[in-house]
Full PDB file with SEQRES, HELIX, SHEET, SSBOND, CRYST1, ORIGX, SCALE, CONECT and MASTER records, all heavy atoms in Angstrom:
SEQRES   1 A   35  VAL THR PHE PRO GLY PRO ARG THR LEU THR PRO ARG ARG          
SEQRES   2 A   35  SER PRO THR ALA ARG PHE THR LEU PRO ALA GLN GLU ALA          
SEQRES   3 A   35  LEU VAL GLY CYS LEU ARG ARG ILE ALA                          
HELIX    1 AA1 GLU A   25  LEU A   27  5                                   3    
HELIX    2 AA2 VAL A   28  ILE A   34  1                                   7    
CRYST1    1.000    1.000    1.000  90.00  90.00  90.00 P 1           1          
ORIGX1      1.000000  0.000000  0.000000        0.00000                         
ORIGX2      0.000000  1.000000  0.000000        0.00000                         
ORIGX3      0.000000  0.000000  1.000000        0.00000                         
SCALE1      1.000000  0.000000  0.000000        0.00000                         
SCALE2      0.000000  1.000000  0.000000        0.00000                         
SCALE3      0.000000  0.000000  1.000000        0.00000                         
ATOM      1  N   VAL A   1       0.858  -1.178   0.000  1.00  0.00           N  
ATOM      2  CA  VAL A   1       0.000   0.000   0.000  1.00  0.00           C  
ATOM      3  C   VAL A   1       0.896   1.230   0.000  1.00  0.00           C  
ATOM      4  O   VAL A   1       1.805   1.335   0.805  1.00  0.00           O  
ATOM      5  CB  VAL A   1      -0.913   0.015   1.247  1.00  0.00           C  
ATOM      6  CG1 VAL A   1      -1.738   1.271   1.280  1.00  0.00           C  
ATOM      7  CG2 VAL A   1      -1.782  -1.222   1.273  1.00  0.00           C  
ATOM      8  N   THR A   2       0.659   2.128  -0.931  1.00  0.00           N  
ATOM      9  CA  THR A   2       1.404   3.383  -0.940  1.00  0.00           C  
ATOM     10  C   THR A   2       0.458   4.500  -0.538  1.00  0.00           C  
ATOM     11  O   THR A   2      -0.716   4.491  -0.881  1.00  0.00           O  
ATOM     12  CB  THR A   2       1.989   3.682  -2.329  1.00  0.00           C  
ATOM     13  OG1 THR A   2       0.934   3.700  -3.270  1.00  0.00           O  
ATOM     14  CG2 THR A   2       3.015   2.636  -2.723  1.00  0.00           C  
ATOM     15  N   PHE A   3       0.966   5.433   0.203  1.00  0.00           N  
ATOM     16  CA  PHE A   3       0.172   6.555   0.666  1.00  0.00           C  
ATOM     17  C   PHE A   3       0.609   7.792  -0.091  1.00  0.00           C  
ATOM     18  O   PHE A   3       1.799   8.047  -0.224  1.00  0.00           O  
ATOM     19  CB  PHE A   3       0.368   6.768   2.172  1.00  0.00           C  
ATOM     20  CG  PHE A   3      -0.133   5.623   2.985  1.00  0.00           C  
ATOM     21  CD1 PHE A   3       0.689   4.561   3.303  1.00  0.00           C  
ATOM     22  CD2 PHE A   3      -1.445   5.588   3.421  1.00  0.00           C  
ATOM     23  CE1 PHE A   3       0.217   3.493   4.046  1.00  0.00           C  
ATOM     24  CE2 PHE A   3      -1.924   4.516   4.159  1.00  0.00           C  
ATOM     25  CZ  PHE A   3      -1.087   3.472   4.472  1.00  0.00           C  
ATOM     26  N   PRO A   4      -0.335   8.588  -0.593  1.00  0.00           N  
ATOM     27  CA  PRO A   4       0.049   9.788  -1.334  1.00  0.00           C  
ATOM     28  C   PRO A   4       0.650  10.824  -0.398  1.00  0.00           C  
ATOM     29  O   PRO A   4       0.265  10.939   0.749  1.00  0.00           O  
ATOM     30  CB  PRO A   4      -1.281  10.277  -1.914  1.00  0.00           C  
ATOM     31  CG  PRO A   4      -2.326   9.691  -1.032  1.00  0.00           C  
ATOM     32  CD  PRO A   4      -1.765   8.420  -0.475  1.00  0.00           C  
ATOM     33  N   GLY A   5       1.625  11.551  -0.907  1.00  0.00           N  
ATOM     34  CA  GLY A   5       2.224  12.628  -0.119  1.00  0.00           C  
ATOM     35  C   GLY A   5       3.112  12.095   0.982  1.00  0.00           C  
ATOM     36  O   GLY A   5       3.376  10.905   1.079  1.00  0.00           O  
ATOM     37  N   PRO A   6       3.589  12.991   1.839  1.00  0.00           N  
ATOM     38  CA  PRO A   6       4.466  12.550   2.927  1.00  0.00           C  
ATOM     39  C   PRO A   6       3.716  11.638   3.892  1.00  0.00           C  
ATOM     40  O   PRO A   6       2.546  11.846   4.185  1.00  0.00           O  
ATOM     41  CB  PRO A   6       4.865  13.850   3.621  1.00  0.00           C  
ATOM     42  CG  PRO A   6       4.274  14.955   2.848  1.00  0.00           C  
ATOM     43  CD  PRO A   6       3.357  14.398   1.821  1.00  0.00           C  
ATOM     44  N   ARG A   7       4.407  10.647   4.374  1.00  0.00           N  
ATOM     45  CA  ARG A   7       3.794   9.722   5.325  1.00  0.00           C  
ATOM     46  C   ARG A   7       3.796  10.352   6.717  1.00  0.00           C  
ATOM     47  O   ARG A   7       4.753  10.985   7.126  1.00  0.00           O  
ATOM     48  CB  ARG A   7       4.556   8.409   5.377  1.00  0.00           C  
ATOM     49  CG  ARG A   7       4.424   7.617   4.123  1.00  0.00           C  
ATOM     50  CD  ARG A   7       5.163   6.317   4.258  1.00  0.00           C  
ATOM     51  NE  ARG A   7       5.103   5.629   2.985  1.00  0.00           N  
ATOM     52  CZ  ARG A   7       5.038   4.331   2.879  1.00  0.00           C  
ATOM     53  NH1 ARG A   7       5.035   3.583   3.929  1.00  0.00           N  
ATOM     54  NH2 ARG A   7       4.994   3.769   1.705  1.00  0.00           N  
ATOM     55  N   THR A   8       2.718  10.112   7.423  1.00  0.00           N  
ATOM     56  CA  THR A   8       2.676  10.555   8.806  1.00  0.00           C  
ATOM     57  C   THR A   8       3.267   9.455   9.667  1.00  0.00           C  
ATOM     58  O   THR A   8       3.545   8.353   9.198  1.00  0.00           O  
ATOM     59  CB  THR A   8       1.222  10.832   9.232  1.00  0.00           C  
ATOM     60  OG1 THR A   8       0.503   9.612   9.138  1.00  0.00           O  
ATOM     61  CG2 THR A   8       0.583  11.892   8.359  1.00  0.00           C  
ATOM     62  N   LEU A   9       3.428   9.724  10.927  1.00  0.00           N  
ATOM     63  CA  LEU A   9       3.981   8.712  11.816  1.00  0.00           C  
ATOM     64  C   LEU A   9       3.050   7.522  11.980  1.00  0.00           C  
ATOM     65  O   LEU A   9       3.491   6.413  12.210  1.00  0.00           O  
ATOM     66  CB  LEU A   9       4.286   9.316  13.187  1.00  0.00           C  
ATOM     67  CG  LEU A   9       5.439  10.307  13.201  1.00  0.00           C  
ATOM     68  CD1 LEU A   9       5.601  10.901  14.593  1.00  0.00           C  
ATOM     69  CD2 LEU A   9       6.728   9.638  12.763  1.00  0.00           C  
ATOM     70  N   THR A  10       1.745   7.743  11.856  1.00  0.00           N  
ATOM     71  CA  THR A  10       0.783   6.652  11.999  1.00  0.00           C  
ATOM     72  C   THR A  10      -0.179   6.656  10.810  1.00  0.00           C  
ATOM     73  O   THR A  10      -1.319   7.072  10.932  1.00  0.00           O  
ATOM     74  CB  THR A  10      -0.009   6.774  13.315  1.00  0.00           C  
ATOM     75  OG1 THR A  10      -0.627   8.055  13.326  1.00  0.00           O  
ATOM     76  CG2 THR A  10       0.885   6.600  14.518  1.00  0.00           C  
ATOM     77  N   PRO A  11       0.288   6.219   9.612  1.00  0.00           N  
ATOM     78  CA  PRO A  11      -0.607   6.218   8.454  1.00  0.00           C  
ATOM     79  C   PRO A  11      -1.756   5.252   8.678  1.00  0.00           C  
ATOM     80  O   PRO A  11      -1.611   4.232   9.332  1.00  0.00           O  
ATOM     81  CB  PRO A  11       0.298   5.766   7.307  1.00  0.00           C  
ATOM     82  CG  PRO A  11       1.388   5.004   7.960  1.00  0.00           C  
ATOM     83  CD  PRO A  11       1.585   5.614   9.320  1.00  0.00           C  
ATOM     84  N   ARG A  12      -2.882   5.601   8.135  1.00  0.00           N  
ATOM     85  CA  ARG A  12      -4.065   4.756   8.232  1.00  0.00           C  
ATOM     86  C   ARG A  12      -3.917   3.587   7.276  1.00  0.00           C  
ATOM     87  O   ARG A  12      -3.614   3.770   6.107  1.00  0.00           O  
ATOM     88  CB  ARG A  12      -5.296   5.577   7.876  1.00  0.00           C  
ATOM     89  CG  ARG A  12      -6.562   4.826   8.129  1.00  0.00           C  
ATOM     90  CD  ARG A  12      -7.723   5.764   8.007  1.00  0.00           C  
ATOM     91  NE  ARG A  12      -8.931   4.991   8.220  1.00  0.00           N  
ATOM     92  CZ  ARG A  12     -10.121   5.468   8.028  1.00  0.00           C  
ATOM     93  NH1 ARG A  12     -10.290   6.697   7.627  1.00  0.00           N  
ATOM     94  NH2 ARG A  12     -11.176   4.718   8.233  1.00  0.00           N  
ATOM     95  N   ARG A  13      -4.111   2.384   7.784  1.00  0.00           N  
ATOM     96  CA  ARG A  13      -4.010   1.187   6.943  1.00  0.00           C  
ATOM     97  C   ARG A  13      -5.205   1.098   6.019  1.00  0.00           C  
ATOM     98  O   ARG A  13      -6.311   1.471   6.379  1.00  0.00           O  
ATOM     99  CB  ARG A  13      -3.956  -0.063   7.808  1.00  0.00           C  
ATOM    100  CG  ARG A  13      -2.636  -0.260   8.487  1.00  0.00           C  
ATOM    101  CD  ARG A  13      -2.625  -1.575   9.252  1.00  0.00           C  
ATOM    102  NE  ARG A  13      -3.126  -2.664   8.451  1.00  0.00           N  
ATOM    103  CZ  ARG A  13      -2.371  -3.567   7.847  1.00  0.00           C  
ATOM    104  NH1 ARG A  13      -1.089  -3.496   7.924  1.00  0.00           N  
ATOM    105  NH2 ARG A  13      -2.925  -4.554   7.164  1.00  0.00           N  
ATOM    106  N   SER A  14      -4.959   0.568   4.845  1.00  0.00           N  
ATOM    107  CA  SER A  14      -6.057   0.349   3.905  1.00  0.00           C  
ATOM    108  C   SER A  14      -6.888  -0.824   4.378  1.00  0.00           C  
ATOM    109  O   SER A  14      -6.346  -1.855   4.775  1.00  0.00           O  
ATOM    110  CB  SER A  14      -5.500   0.045   2.521  1.00  0.00           C  
ATOM    111  OG  SER A  14      -4.840   1.167   2.007  1.00  0.00           O  
ATOM    112  N   PRO A  15      -8.217  -0.691   4.331  1.00  0.00           N  
ATOM    113  CA  PRO A  15      -9.056  -1.840   4.673  1.00  0.00           C  
ATOM    114  C   PRO A  15      -8.754  -3.002   3.739  1.00  0.00           C  
ATOM    115  O   PRO A  15      -8.650  -2.827   2.524  1.00  0.00           O  
ATOM    116  CB  PRO A  15     -10.476  -1.314   4.462  1.00  0.00           C  
ATOM    117  CG  PRO A  15     -10.352   0.170   4.551  1.00  0.00           C  
ATOM    118  CD  PRO A  15      -8.995   0.494   4.017  1.00  0.00           C  
ATOM    119  N   THR A  16      -8.603  -4.185   4.317  1.00  0.00           N  
ATOM    120  CA  THR A  16      -8.251  -5.383   3.560  1.00  0.00           C  
ATOM    121  C   THR A  16      -9.091  -6.547   4.057  1.00  0.00           C  
ATOM    122  O   THR A  16      -9.335  -6.672   5.255  1.00  0.00           O  
ATOM    123  CB  THR A  16      -6.754  -5.720   3.753  1.00  0.00           C  
ATOM    124  OG1 THR A  16      -5.977  -4.603   3.346  1.00  0.00           O  
ATOM    125  CG2 THR A  16      -6.350  -6.936   2.963  1.00  0.00           C  
ATOM    126  N   ALA A  17      -9.525  -7.382   3.149  1.00  0.00           N  
ATOM    127  CA  ALA A  17     -10.256  -8.595   3.514  1.00  0.00           C  
ATOM    128  C   ALA A  17      -9.787  -9.732   2.622  1.00  0.00           C  
ATOM    129  O   ALA A  17      -9.542  -9.526   1.436  1.00  0.00           O  
ATOM    130  CB  ALA A  17     -11.755  -8.368   3.359  1.00  0.00           C  
ATOM    131  N   ARG A  18      -9.673 -10.923   3.210  1.00  0.00           N  
ATOM    132  CA  ARG A  18      -9.261 -12.109   2.460  1.00  0.00           C  
ATOM    133  C   ARG A  18     -10.168 -13.279   2.819  1.00  0.00           C  
ATOM    134  O   ARG A  18     -10.486 -13.473   3.993  1.00  0.00           O  
ATOM    135  CB  ARG A  18      -7.828 -12.485   2.789  1.00  0.00           C  
ATOM    136  CG  ARG A  18      -6.848 -11.438   2.396  1.00  0.00           C  
ATOM    137  CD  ARG A  18      -5.486 -11.757   2.971  1.00  0.00           C  
ATOM    138  NE  ARG A  18      -4.703 -10.541   2.938  1.00  0.00           N  
ATOM    139  CZ  ARG A  18      -3.502 -10.458   2.418  1.00  0.00           C  
ATOM    140  NH1 ARG A  18      -2.929 -11.511   1.929  1.00  0.00           N  
ATOM    141  NH2 ARG A  18      -2.869  -9.321   2.415  1.00  0.00           N  
ATOM    142  N   PHE A  19     -10.552 -14.030   1.807  1.00  0.00           N  
ATOM    143  CA  PHE A  19     -11.431 -15.180   1.988  1.00  0.00           C  
ATOM    144  C   PHE A  19     -10.909 -16.313   1.110  1.00  0.00           C  
ATOM    145  O   PHE A  19     -10.505 -16.079  -0.021  1.00  0.00           O  
ATOM    146  CB  PHE A  19     -12.869 -14.857   1.563  1.00  0.00           C  
ATOM    147  CG  PHE A  19     -13.417 -13.639   2.233  1.00  0.00           C  
ATOM    148  CD1 PHE A  19     -13.314 -12.398   1.632  1.00  0.00           C  
ATOM    149  CD2 PHE A  19     -14.014 -13.725   3.487  1.00  0.00           C  
ATOM    150  CE1 PHE A  19     -13.809 -11.264   2.247  1.00  0.00           C  
ATOM    151  CE2 PHE A  19     -14.505 -12.597   4.112  1.00  0.00           C  
ATOM    152  CZ  PHE A  19     -14.408 -11.366   3.492  1.00  0.00           C  
ATOM    153  N   THR A  20     -10.950 -17.531   1.628  1.00  0.00           N  
ATOM    154  CA  THR A  20     -10.554 -18.701   0.853  1.00  0.00           C  
ATOM    155  C   THR A  20     -11.638 -19.760   0.982  1.00  0.00           C  
ATOM    156  O   THR A  20     -12.114 -20.035   2.088  1.00  0.00           O  
ATOM    157  CB  THR A  20      -9.206 -19.258   1.339  1.00  0.00           C  
ATOM    158  OG1 THR A  20      -8.203 -18.252   1.165  1.00  0.00           O  
ATOM    159  CG2 THR A  20      -8.799 -20.500   0.557  1.00  0.00           C  
ATOM    160  N   LEU A  21     -12.021 -20.306  -0.153  1.00  0.00           N  
ATOM    161  CA  LEU A  21     -13.037 -21.357  -0.225  1.00  0.00           C  
ATOM    162  C   LEU A  21     -12.563 -22.450  -1.166  1.00  0.00           C  
ATOM    163  O   LEU A  21     -11.676 -22.214  -1.998  1.00  0.00           O  
ATOM    164  CB  LEU A  21     -14.351 -20.786  -0.775  1.00  0.00           C  
ATOM    165  CG  LEU A  21     -15.060 -19.717   0.030  1.00  0.00           C  
ATOM    166  CD1 LEU A  21     -16.206 -19.135  -0.791  1.00  0.00           C  
ATOM    167  CD2 LEU A  21     -15.577 -20.284   1.324  1.00  0.00           C  
ATOM    168  N   PRO A  22     -13.152 -23.631  -1.084  1.00  0.00           N  
ATOM    169  CA  PRO A  22     -12.850 -24.641  -2.103  1.00  0.00           C  
ATOM    170  C   PRO A  22     -13.220 -24.098  -3.487  1.00  0.00           C  
ATOM    171  O   PRO A  22     -14.202 -23.371  -3.627  1.00  0.00           O  
ATOM    172  CB  PRO A  22     -13.745 -25.821  -1.717  1.00  0.00           C  
ATOM    173  CG  PRO A  22     -14.027 -25.630  -0.266  1.00  0.00           C  
ATOM    174  CD  PRO A  22     -14.069 -24.134  -0.062  1.00  0.00           C  
ATOM    175  N   ALA A  23     -12.431 -24.441  -4.473  1.00  0.00           N  
ATOM    176  CA  ALA A  23     -12.667 -23.953  -5.840  1.00  0.00           C  
ATOM    177  C   ALA A  23     -13.785 -24.775  -6.473  1.00  0.00           C  
ATOM    178  O   ALA A  23     -13.544 -25.725  -7.209  1.00  0.00           O  
ATOM    179  CB  ALA A  23     -11.391 -24.030  -6.669  1.00  0.00           C  
ATOM    180  N   GLN A  24     -15.006 -24.377  -6.159  1.00  0.00           N  
ATOM    181  CA  GLN A  24     -16.185 -25.052  -6.688  1.00  0.00           C  
ATOM    182  C   GLN A  24     -17.114 -24.003  -7.272  1.00  0.00           C  
ATOM    183  O   GLN A  24     -17.346 -22.957  -6.664  1.00  0.00           O  
ATOM    184  CB  GLN A  24     -16.914 -25.809  -5.574  1.00  0.00           C  
ATOM    185  CG  GLN A  24     -16.078 -26.890  -4.943  1.00  0.00           C  
ATOM    186  CD  GLN A  24     -16.752 -27.478  -3.715  1.00  0.00           C  
ATOM    187  OE1 GLN A  24     -17.888 -27.144  -3.382  1.00  0.00           O  
ATOM    188  NE2 GLN A  24     -16.042 -28.365  -3.038  1.00  0.00           N  
ATOM    189  N   GLU A  25     -17.650 -24.308  -8.448  1.00  0.00           N  
ATOM    190  CA  GLU A  25     -18.553 -23.359  -9.108  1.00  0.00           C  
ATOM    191  C   GLU A  25     -19.734 -22.983  -8.217  1.00  0.00           C  
ATOM    192  O   GLU A  25     -20.197 -21.847  -8.246  1.00  0.00           O  
ATOM    193  CB  GLU A  25     -19.050 -23.936 -10.432  1.00  0.00           C  
ATOM    194  CG  GLU A  25     -17.964 -23.988 -11.496  1.00  0.00           C  
ATOM    195  CD  GLU A  25     -18.486 -24.554 -12.794  1.00  0.00           C  
ATOM    196  OE1 GLU A  25     -19.259 -23.849 -13.471  1.00  0.00           O  
ATOM    197  OE2 GLU A  25     -18.116 -25.698 -13.118  1.00  0.00           O  
ATOM    198  N   ALA A  26     -20.201 -23.907  -7.395  1.00  0.00           N  
ATOM    199  CA  ALA A  26     -21.345 -23.635  -6.521  1.00  0.00           C  
ATOM    200  C   ALA A  26     -21.032 -22.578  -5.464  1.00  0.00           C  
ATOM    201  O   ALA A  26     -21.944 -21.991  -4.892  1.00  0.00           O  
ATOM    202  CB  ALA A  26     -21.794 -24.926  -5.842  1.00  0.00           C  
ATOM    203  N   LEU A  27     -19.751 -22.299  -5.206  1.00  0.00           N  
ATOM    204  CA  LEU A  27     -19.369 -21.332  -4.171  1.00  0.00           C  
ATOM    205  C   LEU A  27     -19.047 -19.949  -4.726  1.00  0.00           C  
ATOM    206  O   LEU A  27     -18.764 -19.028  -3.965  1.00  0.00           O  
ATOM    207  CB  LEU A  27     -18.186 -21.876  -3.370  1.00  0.00           C  
ATOM    208  CG  LEU A  27     -18.495 -23.143  -2.575  1.00  0.00           C  
ATOM    209  CD1 LEU A  27     -17.242 -23.664  -1.885  1.00  0.00           C  
ATOM    210  CD2 LEU A  27     -19.603 -22.899  -1.568  1.00  0.00           C  
ATOM    211  N   VAL A  28     -19.086 -19.775  -6.035  1.00  0.00           N  
ATOM    212  CA  VAL A  28     -18.809 -18.470  -6.643  1.00  0.00           C  
ATOM    213  C   VAL A  28     -19.822 -17.440  -6.148  1.00  0.00           C  
ATOM    214  O   VAL A  28     -19.467 -16.313  -5.796  1.00  0.00           O  
ATOM    215  CB  VAL A  28     -18.803 -18.572  -8.179  1.00  0.00           C  
ATOM    216  CG1 VAL A  28     -18.751 -17.196  -8.828  1.00  0.00           C  
ATOM    217  CG2 VAL A  28     -17.625 -19.432  -8.637  1.00  0.00           C  
ATOM    218  N   GLY A  29     -21.065 -17.808  -6.083  1.00  0.00           N  
ATOM    219  CA  GLY A  29     -22.104 -16.902  -5.596  1.00  0.00           C  
ATOM    220  C   GLY A  29     -21.854 -16.472  -4.158  1.00  0.00           C  
ATOM    221  O   GLY A  29     -22.145 -15.334  -3.774  1.00  0.00           O  
ATOM    222  N   CYS A  30     -21.297 -17.364  -3.364  1.00  0.00           N  
ATOM    223  CA  CYS A  30     -20.959 -17.041  -1.981  1.00  0.00           C  
ATOM    224  C   CYS A  30     -19.908 -15.930  -1.936  1.00  0.00           C  
ATOM    225  O   CYS A  30     -20.034 -14.969  -1.164  1.00  0.00           O  
ATOM    226  CB  CYS A  30     -20.451 -18.298  -1.281  1.00  0.00           C  
ATOM    227  SG  CYS A  30     -20.083 -18.079   0.463  1.00  0.00           S  
ATOM    228  N   LEU A  31     -18.875 -16.031  -2.765  1.00  0.00           N  
ATOM    229  CA  LEU A  31     -17.856 -14.969  -2.817  1.00  0.00           C  
ATOM    230  C   LEU A  31     -18.459 -13.653  -3.294  1.00  0.00           C  
ATOM    231  O   LEU A  31     -18.107 -12.586  -2.788  1.00  0.00           O  
ATOM    232  CB  LEU A  31     -16.697 -15.375  -3.717  1.00  0.00           C  
ATOM    233  CG  LEU A  31     -15.630 -16.258  -3.090  1.00  0.00           C  
ATOM    234  CD1 LEU A  31     -14.508 -16.539  -4.086  1.00  0.00           C  
ATOM    235  CD2 LEU A  31     -15.070 -15.667  -1.818  1.00  0.00           C  
ATOM    236  N   ARG A  32     -19.377 -13.713  -4.252  1.00  0.00           N  
ATOM    237  CA  ARG A  32     -20.040 -12.486  -4.716  1.00  0.00           C  
ATOM    238  C   ARG A  32     -20.821 -11.831  -3.582  1.00  0.00           C  
ATOM    239  O   ARG A  32     -20.763 -10.617  -3.390  1.00  0.00           O  
ATOM    240  CB  ARG A  32     -20.974 -12.774  -5.895  1.00  0.00           C  
ATOM    241  CG  ARG A  32     -20.273 -12.926  -7.220  1.00  0.00           C  
ATOM    242  CD  ARG A  32     -21.247 -12.872  -8.392  1.00  0.00           C  
ATOM    243  NE  ARG A  32     -22.360 -13.782  -8.246  1.00  0.00           N  
ATOM    244  CZ  ARG A  32     -22.446 -14.972  -8.824  1.00  0.00           C  
ATOM    245  NH1 ARG A  32     -21.494 -15.399  -9.611  1.00  0.00           N  
ATOM    246  NH2 ARG A  32     -23.499 -15.741  -8.634  1.00  0.00           N  
ATOM    247  N   ARG A  33     -21.584 -12.639  -2.832  1.00  0.00           N  
ATOM    248  CA  ARG A  33     -22.379 -12.083  -1.727  1.00  0.00           C  
ATOM    249  C   ARG A  33     -21.484 -11.515  -0.627  1.00  0.00           C  
ATOM    250  O   ARG A  33     -21.773 -10.450  -0.066  1.00  0.00           O  
ATOM    251  CB  ARG A  33     -23.315 -13.155  -1.161  1.00  0.00           C  
ATOM    252  CG  ARG A  33     -24.497 -13.440  -2.072  1.00  0.00           C  
ATOM    253  CD  ARG A  33     -25.503 -14.384  -1.434  1.00  0.00           C  
ATOM    254  NE  ARG A  33     -24.965 -15.705  -1.139  1.00  0.00           N  
ATOM    255  CZ  ARG A  33     -24.844 -16.688  -2.035  1.00  0.00           C  
ATOM    256  NH1 ARG A  33     -25.212 -16.491  -3.289  1.00  0.00           N  
ATOM    257  NH2 ARG A  33     -24.362 -17.855  -1.677  1.00  0.00           N  
ATOM    258  N   ILE A  34     -20.400 -12.199  -0.301  1.00  0.00           N  
ATOM    259  CA  ILE A  34     -19.452 -11.704   0.701  1.00  0.00           C  
ATOM    260  C   ILE A  34     -18.900 -10.358   0.254  1.00  0.00           C  
ATOM    261  O   ILE A  34     -18.841  -9.402   1.031  1.00  0.00           O  
ATOM    262  CB  ILE A  34     -18.306 -12.721   0.922  1.00  0.00           C  
ATOM    263  CG1 ILE A  34     -18.817 -13.960   1.660  1.00  0.00           C  
ATOM    264  CG2 ILE A  34     -17.148 -12.085   1.664  1.00  0.00           C  
ATOM    265  CD1 ILE A  34     -17.831 -15.109   1.682  1.00  0.00           C  
ATOM    266  N   ALA A  35     -18.482 -10.278  -1.011  1.00  0.00           N  
ATOM    267  CA  ALA A  35     -17.916  -9.029  -1.533  1.00  0.00           C  
ATOM    268  C   ALA A  35     -18.955  -7.912  -1.513  1.00  0.00           C  
ATOM    269  O   ALA A  35     -18.656  -6.788  -1.096  1.00  0.00           O  
ATOM    270  CB  ALA A  35     -17.379  -9.239  -2.951  1.00  0.00           C  
TER     271      ALA A  35                                                      
MASTER        0    0    0    2    0    0    0    6  270    1    0    3          
END                                                                             
């Protein structure tokens, strides 16, 4: 993550989310709903 301009001493972290599921076509909709 890069922050524009000079960095402050305590830059705000970018919101991040990670999810892992079995690679099954039936679970694609689940990832869409989560997102």
